[in-house]
Protein backbone atom coordinates (compact mmCIF):
# COMPACT_ATOMS: atom_id res chain seq x y z
CA GLN A 1 21.54 1.17 2.26
CA VAL A 2 19.95 0.08 -0.82
CA GLN A 3 16.24 0.45 -1.33
CA LEU A 4 14.10 -0.80 -4.25
CA VAL A 5 10.79 1.23 -4.38
CA GLU A 6 8.04 0.16 -6.69
CA SER A 7 5.49 2.59 -8.21
CA GLY A 8 2.62 2.66 -10.70
CA GLY A 9 0.10 -0.05 -9.35
CA GLY A 10 -3.42 0.68 -9.12
CA LEU A 11 -7.06 -0.23 -10.31
CA VAL A 12 -7.66 -1.01 -13.90
CA GLN A 13 -10.45 -2.64 -15.61
CA PRO A 14 -9.82 -5.69 -17.93
CA GLY A 15 -7.97 -5.16 -21.34
CA GLY A 16 -6.30 -2.10 -19.76
CA SER A 17 -2.74 -1.18 -19.22
CA LEU A 18 -0.46 -0.11 -16.38
CA ARG A 19 3.29 0.46 -16.01
CA LEU A 20 5.02 -0.55 -12.96
CA SER A 21 8.49 1.24 -12.01
CA CYS A 22 11.14 -0.02 -9.69
CA ALA A 23 13.77 2.39 -8.68
CA ALA A 24 17.01 1.48 -6.95
CA SER A 25 18.60 3.96 -4.45
CA GLY A 26 21.59 4.19 -2.16
CA SER A 27 25.12 3.80 -2.68
CA ILE A 28 25.00 1.45 -5.91
CA SER A 29 27.62 0.30 -8.32
CA GLY A 30 25.37 -1.19 -10.51
CA ILE A 31 22.56 -3.62 -10.86
CA ASN A 32 22.82 -7.25 -12.07
CA ALA A 33 19.39 -9.18 -13.17
CA VAL A 34 16.09 -7.80 -12.16
CA GLY A 35 13.04 -9.57 -11.66
CA TRP A 36 9.27 -8.83 -11.20
CA TYR A 37 7.24 -11.17 -9.02
CA ARG A 38 3.62 -11.20 -8.03
CA GLN A 39 1.85 -12.82 -5.12
CA ALA A 40 -2.21 -13.19 -5.34
CA PRO A 41 -4.13 -13.67 -2.34
CA GLY A 42 -3.42 -17.50 -1.14
CA LYS A 43 -1.01 -18.17 -3.61
CA GLU A 44 2.78 -18.40 -3.79
CA ARG A 45 4.94 -15.63 -5.09
CA GLU A 46 5.69 -16.38 -8.75
CA SER A 47 8.11 -15.10 -11.19
CA VAL A 48 6.29 -12.50 -13.94
CA ALA A 49 9.54 -11.48 -15.89
CA THR A 50 13.22 -11.14 -15.56
CA ILE A 51 16.02 -9.24 -17.35
CA THR A 52 19.80 -9.66 -17.07
CA SER A 53 22.10 -6.72 -17.17
CA SER A 54 22.74 -7.07 -20.70
CA GLY A 55 18.99 -6.91 -21.43
CA SER A 56 18.11 -10.45 -22.09
CA THR A 57 14.57 -11.33 -20.88
CA ASN A 58 12.27 -14.15 -19.79
CA TYR A 59 8.73 -14.22 -19.04
CA ALA A 60 6.20 -16.37 -17.47
CA ASP A 61 3.98 -18.30 -19.95
CA SER A 62 0.90 -16.55 -18.31
CA VAL A 63 2.03 -12.86 -19.57
CA LYS A 64 4.14 -13.68 -22.73
CA GLY A 65 2.87 -11.30 -25.34
CA ARG A 66 1.13 -9.22 -22.81
CA PHE A 67 3.88 -7.80 -20.54
CA THR A 68 7.35 -6.12 -21.24
CA ILE A 69 10.21 -5.79 -18.85
CA SER A 70 12.77 -3.33 -19.69
CA ARG A 71 15.53 -1.41 -17.63
CA ASP A 72 17.21 1.95 -18.11
CA ASN A 73 20.81 1.47 -16.28
CA ALA A 74 21.59 5.04 -16.03
CA LYS A 75 18.63 5.69 -13.71
CA ASN A 76 18.68 2.23 -11.69
CA THR A 77 15.18 1.88 -12.54
CA ALA A 78 13.24 -1.07 -14.12
CA TYR A 79 9.97 -1.26 -15.95
CA LEU A 80 7.17 -3.63 -16.40
CA GLN A 81 4.66 -2.63 -18.94
CA MET A 82 1.44 -4.75 -18.31
CA ASN A 83 -1.17 -4.89 -21.37
CA SER A 84 -4.30 -6.51 -22.08
CA LEU A 85 -4.79 -7.03 -18.15
CA LYS A 86 -6.99 -9.75 -16.98
CA PRO A 87 -8.52 -10.43 -13.57
CA GLU A 88 -6.35 -13.08 -12.83
CA ASP A 89 -3.17 -10.49 -13.06
CA THR A 90 -4.51 -9.18 -9.72
CA ALA A 91 -1.63 -9.56 -7.40
CA VAL A 92 0.62 -7.52 -5.17
CA TYR A 93 3.75 -7.26 -7.63
CA TYR A 94 7.34 -7.23 -6.29
CA CYS A 95 10.44 -6.13 -7.63
CA ASN A 96 13.86 -8.16 -7.06
CA ALA A 97 17.24 -6.96 -7.95
CA ASP A 98 20.96 -8.27 -7.56
CA VAL A 99 22.41 -4.82 -6.64
CA ARG A 100 26.54 -4.05 -6.77
CA ARG A 101 27.99 -2.32 -3.98
CA GLY A 102 31.68 -2.15 -4.63
CA ALA A 103 33.16 -5.79 -4.64
CA TYR A 104 29.87 -7.23 -3.18
CA THR A 105 26.44 -8.22 -5.00
CA SER A 106 23.51 -8.45 -2.76
CA ASN A 107 19.81 -9.44 -3.33
CA TYR A 108 17.08 -7.04 -2.47
CA TRP A 109 13.27 -6.83 -2.65
CA GLY A 110 10.72 -3.93 -2.86
CA GLN A 111 7.90 -3.35 -0.68
CA GLY A 112 5.41 -4.38 -3.40
CA THR A 113 2.74 -2.62 -5.20
CA GLN A 114 -0.87 -3.83 -5.59
CA VAL A 115 -2.49 -4.09 -9.19
CA THR A 116 -6.05 -4.85 -9.09
CA VAL A 117 -7.79 -5.82 -12.36
CA SER A 118 -11.62 -5.41 -12.21
CA SER A 119 -14.39 -4.07 -13.88
């Protein structure tokens, strides 16, 4: 069984920083693309940032220049460094990954971590 566990969320003031982690556990051969998504109350879930197995990244326009996605393949862990946070960044942040288990690849979601930006 594979699990994605997010951590690092919390309450931060506007202009502050947080670093989210997404750790994959279980019987894993490797991880392909990883993405961070967020869902604010009353809104649809949206893509924030993605990173491929080779390290290519893509960001939503709303976070470009403020957020950085990275990964540590040896640790099966991905990160989202969030700087210059704004109140509109408040949401539940979810990790998503395409995980390889032998010859098969399946998509998994984490349980989410709350990020609240408020003074």
